[in-house]
PDB file of all heavy atoms in Angstrom:
ATOM      1  N   LYS A   1       0.814  -1.218   0.000  1.00  0.00           N
ATOM      2  CA  LYS A   1       0.000   0.000   0.000  1.00  0.00           C
ATOM      3  C   LYS A   1       0.847   1.268   0.000  1.00  0.00           C
ATOM      4  O   LYS A   1       0.331   2.358  -0.265  1.00  0.00           O
ATOM      5  CB  LYS A   1      -0.940   0.002   1.208  1.00  0.00           C
ATOM      6  CG  LYS A   1      -2.024  -1.068   1.150  1.00  0.00           C
ATOM      7  CD  LYS A   1      -2.877  -1.048   2.405  1.00  0.00           C
ATOM      8  CE  LYS A   1      -3.914  -2.167   2.400  1.00  0.00           C
ATOM      9  NZ  LYS A   1      -4.696  -2.200   3.661  1.00  0.00           N
ATOM     10  N   THR A   2       2.129   1.148   0.296  1.00  0.00           N
ATOM     11  CA  THR A   2       2.995   2.328   0.290  1.00  0.00           C
ATOM     12  C   THR A   2       3.409   2.721  -1.129  1.00  0.00           C
ATOM     13  O   THR A   2       3.991   3.792  -1.331  1.00  0.00           O
ATOM     14  CB  THR A   2       4.275   2.077   1.111  1.00  0.00           C
ATOM     15  OG1 THR A   2       5.076   1.071   0.467  1.00  0.00           O
ATOM     16  CG2 THR A   2       3.934   1.644   2.530  1.00  0.00           C
ATOM     17  N   ASN A   3       3.139   1.823  -2.092  1.00  0.00           N
ATOM     18  CA  ASN A   3       3.530   2.047  -3.498  1.00  0.00           C
ATOM     19  C   ASN A   3       5.036   2.163  -3.671  1.00  0.00           C
ATOM     20  O   ASN A   3       5.519   2.780  -4.628  1.00  0.00           O
ATOM     21  CB  ASN A   3       2.828   3.291  -4.067  1.00  0.00           C
ATOM     22  CG  ASN A   3       1.323   3.116  -4.129  1.00  0.00           C
ATOM     23  OD1 ASN A   3       0.828   2.069  -4.540  1.00  0.00           O
ATOM     24  ND2 ASN A   3       0.594   4.127  -3.694  1.00  0.00           N
ATOM     25  N   MET A   4       5.766   1.589  -2.739  1.00  0.00           N
ATOM     26  CA  MET A   4       7.218   1.516  -2.852  1.00  0.00           C
ATOM     27  C   MET A   4       7.628   0.074  -3.122  1.00  0.00           C
ATOM     28  O   MET A   4       6.908  -0.869  -2.767  1.00  0.00           O
ATOM     29  CB  MET A   4       7.893   1.965  -1.546  1.00  0.00           C
ATOM     30  CG  MET A   4       7.766   3.419  -1.208  1.00  0.00           C
ATOM     31  SD  MET A   4       8.684   3.753   0.333  1.00  0.00           S
ATOM     32  CE  MET A   4       8.526   5.533   0.444  1.00  0.00           C
ATOM     33  N   THR A   5       8.802  -0.099  -3.732  1.00  0.00           N
ATOM     34  CA  THR A   5       9.366  -1.442  -3.795  1.00  0.00           C
ATOM     35  C   THR A   5       9.893  -1.795  -2.412  1.00  0.00           C
ATOM     36  O   THR A   5      10.060  -0.920  -1.544  1.00  0.00           O
ATOM     37  CB  THR A   5      10.515  -1.527  -4.808  1.00  0.00           C
ATOM     38  OG1 THR A   5      11.619  -0.733  -4.328  1.00  0.00           O
ATOM     39  CG2 THR A   5      10.085  -1.039  -6.189  1.00  0.00           C
ATOM     40  N   SER A   6      10.170  -3.055  -2.210  1.00  0.00           N
ATOM     41  CA  SER A   6      10.706  -3.487  -0.916  1.00  0.00           C
ATOM     42  C   SER A   6      12.007  -2.773  -0.586  1.00  0.00           C
ATOM     43  O   SER A   6      12.217  -2.318   0.544  1.00  0.00           O
ATOM     44  CB  SER A   6      10.932  -5.007  -0.933  1.00  0.00           C
ATOM     45  OG  SER A   6       9.718  -5.686  -1.101  1.00  0.00           O
ATOM     46  N   GLU A   7      12.865  -2.645  -1.577  1.00  0.00           N
ATOM     47  CA  GLU A   7      14.154  -2.002  -1.355  1.00  0.00           C
ATOM     48  C   GLU A   7      13.997  -0.513  -1.082  1.00  0.00           C
ATOM     49  O   GLU A   7      14.658   0.038  -0.192  1.00  0.00           O
ATOM     50  CB  GLU A   7      15.070  -2.232  -2.561  1.00  0.00           C
ATOM     51  CG  GLU A   7      16.514  -1.850  -2.302  1.00  0.00           C
ATOM     52  CD  GLU A   7      17.469  -2.379  -3.344  1.00  0.00           C
ATOM     53  OE1 GLU A   7      17.110  -3.329  -4.063  1.00  0.00           O
ATOM     54  OE2 GLU A   7      18.584  -1.828  -3.437  1.00  0.00           O
ATOM     55  N   GLN A   8      13.108   0.140  -1.807  1.00  0.00           N
ATOM     56  CA  GLN A   8      12.861   1.564  -1.575  1.00  0.00           C
ATOM     57  C   GLN A   8      12.327   1.810  -0.168  1.00  0.00           C
ATOM     58  O   GLN A   8      12.734   2.761   0.513  1.00  0.00           O
ATOM     59  CB  GLN A   8      11.858   2.087  -2.607  1.00  0.00           C
ATOM     60  CG  GLN A   8      12.409   2.227  -4.012  1.00  0.00           C
ATOM     61  CD  GLN A   8      11.317   2.518  -5.046  1.00  0.00           C
ATOM     62  OE1 GLN A   8      10.126   2.302  -4.780  1.00  0.00           O
ATOM     63  NE2 GLN A   8      11.720   3.004  -6.208  1.00  0.00           N
ATOM     64  N   PHE A   9      11.417   0.951   0.268  1.00  0.00           N
ATOM     65  CA  PHE A   9      10.834   1.101   1.601  1.00  0.00           C
ATOM     66  C   PHE A   9      11.902   0.951   2.680  1.00  0.00           C
ATOM     67  O   PHE A   9      11.967   1.754   3.621  1.00  0.00           O
ATOM     68  CB  PHE A   9       9.723   0.068   1.810  1.00  0.00           C
ATOM     69  CG  PHE A   9       9.013   0.192   3.129  1.00  0.00           C
ATOM     70  CD1 PHE A   9       7.960   1.076   3.287  1.00  0.00           C
ATOM     71  CD2 PHE A   9       9.403  -0.584   4.228  1.00  0.00           C
ATOM     72  CE1 PHE A   9       7.310   1.198   4.515  1.00  0.00           C
ATOM     73  CE2 PHE A   9       8.760  -0.469   5.446  1.00  0.00           C
ATOM     74  CZ  PHE A   9       7.711   0.421   5.589  1.00  0.00           C
ATOM     75  N   CYS A  10      12.757  -0.061   2.541  1.00  0.00           N
ATOM     76  CA  CYS A  10      13.805  -0.276   3.548  1.00  0.00           C
ATOM     77  C   CYS A  10      14.791   0.884   3.588  1.00  0.00           C
ATOM     78  O   CYS A  10      15.211   1.312   4.665  1.00  0.00           O
ATOM     79  CB  CYS A  10      14.535  -1.592   3.263  1.00  0.00           C
ATOM     80  SG  CYS A  10      13.516  -3.056   3.568  1.00  0.00           S
ATOM     81  N   ASP A  11      15.150   1.383   2.413  1.00  0.00           N
ATOM     82  CA  ASP A  11      16.059   2.535   2.360  1.00  0.00           C
ATOM     83  C   ASP A  11      15.428   3.753   3.029  1.00  0.00           C
ATOM     84  O   ASP A  11      16.087   4.488   3.781  1.00  0.00           O
ATOM     85  CB  ASP A  11      16.414   2.870   0.910  1.00  0.00           C
ATOM     86  CG  ASP A  11      17.379   1.875   0.289  1.00  0.00           C
ATOM     87  OD1 ASP A  11      18.019   1.117   1.045  1.00  0.00           O
ATOM     88  OD2 ASP A  11      17.479   1.844  -0.954  1.00  0.00           O
ATOM     89  N   TYR A  12      14.139   3.958   2.766  1.00  0.00           N
ATOM     90  CA  TYR A  12      13.432   5.111   3.342  1.00  0.00           C
ATOM     91  C   TYR A  12      13.365   4.998   4.867  1.00  0.00           C
ATOM     92  O   TYR A  12      13.639   5.974   5.585  1.00  0.00           O
ATOM     93  CB  TYR A  12      12.023   5.195   2.758  1.00  0.00           C
ATOM     94  CG  TYR A  12      11.143   6.231   3.420  1.00  0.00           C
ATOM     95  CD1 TYR A  12      11.442   7.584   3.339  1.00  0.00           C
ATOM     96  CD2 TYR A  12      10.016   5.844   4.139  1.00  0.00           C
ATOM     97  CE1 TYR A  12      10.641   8.541   3.960  1.00  0.00           C
ATOM     98  CE2 TYR A  12       9.202   6.787   4.761  1.00  0.00           C
ATOM     99  CZ  TYR A  12       9.522   8.131   4.671  1.00  0.00           C
ATOM    100  OH  TYR A  12       8.726   9.067   5.285  1.00  0.00           O
ATOM    101  N   ILE A  13      13.022   3.814   5.373  1.00  0.00           N
ATOM    102  CA  ILE A  13      12.893   3.624   6.819  1.00  0.00           C
ATOM    103  C   ILE A  13      14.251   3.755   7.506  1.00  0.00           C
ATOM    104  O   ILE A  13      14.348   4.310   8.610  1.00  0.00           O
ATOM    105  CB  ILE A  13      12.245   2.257   7.125  1.00  0.00           C
ATOM    106  CG1 ILE A  13      10.785   2.240   6.645  1.00  0.00           C
ATOM    107  CG2 ILE A  13      12.309   1.934   8.611  1.00  0.00           C
ATOM    108  CD1 ILE A  13       9.896   3.281   7.291  1.00  0.00           C
ATOM    109  N   LEU A  14      15.301   3.287   6.854  1.00  0.00           N
ATOM    110  CA  LEU A  14      16.634   3.432   7.440  1.00  0.00           C
ATOM    111  C   LEU A  14      17.051   4.899   7.484  1.00  0.00           C
ATOM    112  O   LEU A  14      17.554   5.388   8.507  1.00  0.00           O
ATOM    113  CB  LEU A  14      17.654   2.614   6.639  1.00  0.00           C
ATOM    114  CG  LEU A  14      19.104   2.681   7.141  1.00  0.00           C
ATOM    115  CD1 LEU A  14      19.218   2.194   8.575  1.00  0.00           C
ATOM    116  CD2 LEU A  14      20.028   1.869   6.229  1.00  0.00           C
ATOM    117  N   GLU A  15      16.826   5.604   6.396  1.00  0.00           N
ATOM    118  CA  GLU A  15      17.259   7.002   6.314  1.00  0.00           C
ATOM    119  C   GLU A  15      16.389   7.936   7.156  1.00  0.00           C
ATOM    120  O   GLU A  15      16.894   8.874   7.786  1.00  0.00           O
ATOM    121  CB  GLU A  15      17.248   7.457   4.851  1.00  0.00           C
ATOM    122  CG  GLU A  15      18.300   6.756   3.996  1.00  0.00           C
ATOM    123  CD  GLU A  15      18.093   6.976   2.512  1.00  0.00           C
ATOM    124  OE1 GLU A  15      17.242   7.820   2.156  1.00  0.00           O
ATOM    125  OE2 GLU A  15      18.773   6.321   1.710  1.00  0.00           O
ATOM    126  N   ASP A  16      15.076   7.684   7.184  1.00  0.00           N
ATOM    127  CA  ASP A  16      14.166   8.601   7.874  1.00  0.00           C
ATOM    128  C   ASP A  16      13.938   8.225   9.335  1.00  0.00           C
ATOM    129  O   ASP A  16      13.762   9.108  10.180  1.00  0.00           O
ATOM    130  CB  ASP A  16      12.817   8.634   7.152  1.00  0.00           C
ATOM    131  CG  ASP A  16      11.935   9.775   7.635  1.00  0.00           C
ATOM    132  OD1 ASP A  16      12.202  10.927   7.252  1.00  0.00           O
ATOM    133  OD2 ASP A  16      10.988   9.505   8.415  1.00  0.00           O
ATOM    134  N   ALA A  17      13.951   6.914   9.626  1.00  0.00           N
ATOM    135  CA  ALA A  17      13.602   6.469  10.981  1.00  0.00           C
ATOM    136  C   ALA A  17      14.773   5.840  11.732  1.00  0.00           C
ATOM    137  O   ALA A  17      14.645   5.539  12.922  1.00  0.00           O
ATOM    138  CB  ALA A  17      12.448   5.462  10.905  1.00  0.00           C
ATOM    139  N   ASP A  18      15.880   5.628  11.052  1.00  0.00           N
ATOM    140  CA  ASP A  18      17.031   4.957  11.666  1.00  0.00           C
ATOM    141  C   ASP A  18      16.648   3.569  12.191  1.00  0.00           C
ATOM    142  O   ASP A  18      17.052   3.152  13.286  1.00  0.00           O
ATOM    143  CB  ASP A  18      17.625   5.797  12.802  1.00  0.00           C
ATOM    144  CG  ASP A  18      18.211   7.110  12.309  1.00  0.00           C
ATOM    145  OD1 ASP A  18      18.665   7.158  11.154  1.00  0.00           O
ATOM    146  OD2 ASP A  18      18.201   8.093  13.081  1.00  0.00           O
ATOM    147  N   VAL A  19      15.862   2.864  11.392  1.00  0.00           N
ATOM    148  CA  VAL A  19      15.472   1.485  11.701  1.00  0.00           C
ATOM    149  C   VAL A  19      15.914   0.608  10.538  1.00  0.00           C
ATOM    150  O   VAL A  19      15.580   0.883   9.381  1.00  0.00           O
ATOM    151  CB  VAL A  19      13.954   1.355  11.923  1.00  0.00           C
ATOM    152  CG1 VAL A  19      13.559  -0.111  12.125  1.00  0.00           C
ATOM    153  CG2 VAL A  19      13.517   2.188  13.121  1.00  0.00           C
ATOM    154  N   ALA A  20      16.662  -0.450  10.848  1.00  0.00           N
ATOM    155  CA  ALA A  20      17.210  -1.323   9.814  1.00  0.00           C
ATOM    156  C   ALA A  20      16.359  -2.577   9.652  1.00  0.00           C
ATOM    157  O   ALA A  20      16.174  -3.343  10.606  1.00  0.00           O
ATOM    158  CB  ALA A  20      18.638  -1.713  10.153  1.00  0.00           C
ATOM    159  N   ILE A  21      15.811  -2.759   8.450  1.00  0.00           N
ATOM    160  CA  ILE A  21      15.034  -3.949   8.113  1.00  0.00           C
ATOM    161  C   ILE A  21      15.486  -4.426   6.734  1.00  0.00           C
ATOM    162  O   ILE A  21      16.198  -3.727   6.024  1.00  0.00           O
ATOM    163  CB  ILE A  21      13.515  -3.660   8.122  1.00  0.00           C
ATOM    164  CG1 ILE A  21      13.186  -2.495   7.178  1.00  0.00           C
ATOM    165  CG2 ILE A  21      13.034  -3.351   9.527  1.00  0.00           C
ATOM    166  CD1 ILE A  21      11.711  -2.120   7.159  1.00  0.00           C
ATOM    167  N   LEU A  22      15.072  -5.616   6.350  1.00  0.00           N
ATOM    168  CA  LEU A  22      15.526  -6.188   5.086  1.00  0.00           C
ATOM    169  C   LEU A  22      14.396  -6.271   4.066  1.00  0.00           C
ATOM    170  O   LEU A  22      13.268  -6.654   4.409  1.00  0.00           O
ATOM    171  CB  LEU A  22      16.074  -7.607   5.308  1.00  0.00           C
ATOM    172  CG  LEU A  22      17.518  -7.750   5.773  1.00  0.00           C
ATOM    173  CD1 LEU A  22      17.869  -9.226   5.898  1.00  0.00           C
ATOM    174  CD2 LEU A  22      18.486  -7.067   4.819  1.00  0.00           C
ATOM    175  N   PRO A  23      14.684  -5.942   2.806  1.00  0.00           N
ATOM    176  CA  PRO A  23      13.669  -6.096   1.761  1.00  0.00           C
ATOM    177  C   PRO A  23      13.357  -7.565   1.512  1.00  0.00           C
ATOM    178  O   PRO A  23      14.250  -8.421   1.590  1.00  0.00           O
ATOM    179  CB  PRO A  23      14.325  -5.449   0.532  1.00  0.00           C
ATOM    180  CG  PRO A  23      15.788  -5.473   0.806  1.00  0.00           C
ATOM    181  CD  PRO A  23      15.940  -5.370   2.288  1.00  0.00           C
ATOM    182  N   GLY A  24      12.101  -7.839   1.202  1.00  0.00           N
ATOM    183  CA  GLY A  24      11.703  -9.214   0.920  1.00  0.00           C
ATOM    184  C   GLY A  24      12.450  -9.808  -0.252  1.00  0.00           C
ATOM    185  O   GLY A  24      12.653 -11.033  -0.336  1.00  0.00           O
ATOM    186  N   THR A  25      12.887  -8.957  -1.183  1.00  0.00           N
ATOM    187  CA  THR A  25      13.616  -9.435  -2.351  1.00  0.00           C
ATOM    188  C   THR A  25      15.011  -9.948  -2.002  1.00  0.00           C
ATOM    189  O   THR A  25      15.661 -10.583  -2.837  1.00  0.00           O
ATOM    190  CB  THR A  25      13.715  -8.320  -3.405  1.00  0.00           C
ATOM    191  OG1 THR A  25      14.105  -7.091  -2.761  1.00  0.00           O
ATOM    192  CG2 THR A  25      12.387  -8.112  -4.106  1.00  0.00           C
ATOM    193  N   SER A  26      15.482  -9.698  -0.793  1.00  0.00           N
ATOM    194  CA  SER A  26      16.735 -10.308  -0.342  1.00  0.00           C
ATOM    195  C   SER A  26      16.588 -11.820  -0.232  1.00  0.00           C
ATOM    196  O   SER A  26      17.585 -12.545  -0.191  1.00  0.00           O
ATOM    197  CB  SER A  26      17.148  -9.747   1.023  1.00  0.00           C
ATOM    198  OG  SER A  26      17.479  -8.383   0.940  1.00  0.00           O
ATOM    199  N   PHE A  27      15.341 -12.283  -0.199  1.00  0.00           N
ATOM    200  CA  PHE A  27      15.055 -13.700  -0.004  1.00  0.00           C
ATOM    201  C   PHE A  27      14.427 -14.332  -1.251  1.00  0.00           C
ATOM    202  O   PHE A  27      13.953 -15.461  -1.199  1.00  0.00           O
ATOM    203  CB  PHE A  27      14.125 -13.874   1.200  1.00  0.00           C
ATOM    204  CG  PHE A  27      14.682 -13.244   2.449  1.00  0.00           C
ATOM    205  CD1 PHE A  27      14.342 -11.945   2.797  1.00  0.00           C
ATOM    206  CD2 PHE A  27      15.570 -13.931   3.249  1.00  0.00           C
ATOM    207  CE1 PHE A  27      14.873 -11.350   3.935  1.00  0.00           C
ATOM    208  CE2 PHE A  27      16.109 -13.345   4.383  1.00  0.00           C
ATOM    209  CZ  PHE A  27      15.759 -12.053   4.728  1.00  0.00           C
ATOM    210  N   GLY A  28      14.442 -13.590  -2.365  1.00  0.00           N
ATOM    211  CA  GLY A  28      13.892 -14.116  -3.605  1.00  0.00           C
ATOM    212  C   GLY A  28      12.916 -13.145  -4.238  1.00  0.00           C
ATOM    213  O   GLY A  28      12.383 -12.250  -3.582  1.00  0.00           O
ATOM    214  N   ARG A  29      12.678 -13.340  -5.523  1.00  0.00           N
ATOM    215  CA  ARG A  29      11.840 -12.369  -6.248  1.00  0.00           C
ATOM    216  C   ARG A  29      10.390 -12.363  -5.783  1.00  0.00           C
ATOM    217  O   ARG A  29       9.696 -11.353  -5.933  1.00  0.00           O
ATOM    218  CB  ARG A  29      11.908 -12.645  -7.756  1.00  0.00           C
ATOM    219  CG  ARG A  29      11.416 -13.985  -8.220  1.00  0.00           C
ATOM    220  CD  ARG A  29      11.425 -14.053  -9.739  1.00  0.00           C
ATOM    221  NE  ARG A  29      11.065 -15.361 -10.273  1.00  0.00           N
ATOM    222  CZ  ARG A  29      11.934 -16.281 -10.632  1.00  0.00           C
ATOM    223  NH1 ARG A  29      13.222 -16.052 -10.502  1.00  0.00           N
ATOM    224  NH2 ARG A  29      11.538 -17.445 -11.109  1.00  0.00           N
ATOM    225  N   PHE A  30       9.917 -13.458  -5.195  1.00  0.00           N
ATOM    226  CA  PHE A  30       8.541 -13.472  -4.701  1.00  0.00           C
ATOM    227  C   PHE A  30       8.397 -12.757  -3.359  1.00  0.00           C
ATOM    228  O   PHE A  30       7.297 -12.694  -2.801  1.00  0.00           O
ATOM    229  CB  PHE A  30       8.019 -14.914  -4.607  1.00  0.00           C
ATOM    230  CG  PHE A  30       7.861 -15.578  -5.948  1.00  0.00           C
ATOM    231  CD1 PHE A  30       8.712 -16.597  -6.342  1.00  0.00           C
ATOM    232  CD2 PHE A  30       6.883 -15.159  -6.835  1.00  0.00           C
ATOM    233  CE1 PHE A  30       8.586 -17.204  -7.584  1.00  0.00           C
ATOM    234  CE2 PHE A  30       6.742 -15.759  -8.078  1.00  0.00           C
ATOM    235  CZ  PHE A  30       7.602 -16.788  -8.460  1.00  0.00           C
ATOM    236  N   GLY A  31       9.503 -12.202  -2.873  1.00  0.00           N
ATOM    237  CA  GLY A  31       9.448 -11.384  -1.664  1.00  0.00           C
ATOM    238  C   GLY A  31       9.169  -9.921  -1.946  1.00  0.00           C
ATOM    239  O   GLY A  31       9.067  -9.117  -1.010  1.00  0.00           O
ATOM    240  N   GLU A  32       9.023  -9.565  -3.232  1.00  0.00           N
ATOM    241  CA  GLU A  32       8.706  -8.181  -3.571  1.00  0.00           C
ATOM    242  C   GLU A  32       7.360  -7.790  -2.965  1.00  0.00           C
ATOM    243  O   GLU A  32       6.397  -8.557  -2.986  1.00  0.00           O
ATOM    244  CB  GLU A  32       8.657  -7.998  -5.090  1.00  0.00           C
ATOM    245  CG  GLU A  32       8.412  -6.564  -5.533  1.00  0.00           C
ATOM    246  CD  GLU A  32       9.443  -5.580  -4.986  1.00  0.00           C
ATOM    247  OE1 GLU A  32      10.521  -5.464  -5.592  1.00  0.00           O
ATOM    248  OE2 GLU A  32       9.150  -4.947  -3.937  1.00  0.00           O
TER     249      GLU A  32
END
């Protein structure tokens, strides 16, 4: 619902909130 890719969302949360999480695509393309 954020209209971001998994990687974009993780980058945004790290940069804006200082919270480190991993994109679903780190675990395969069906993690998008």
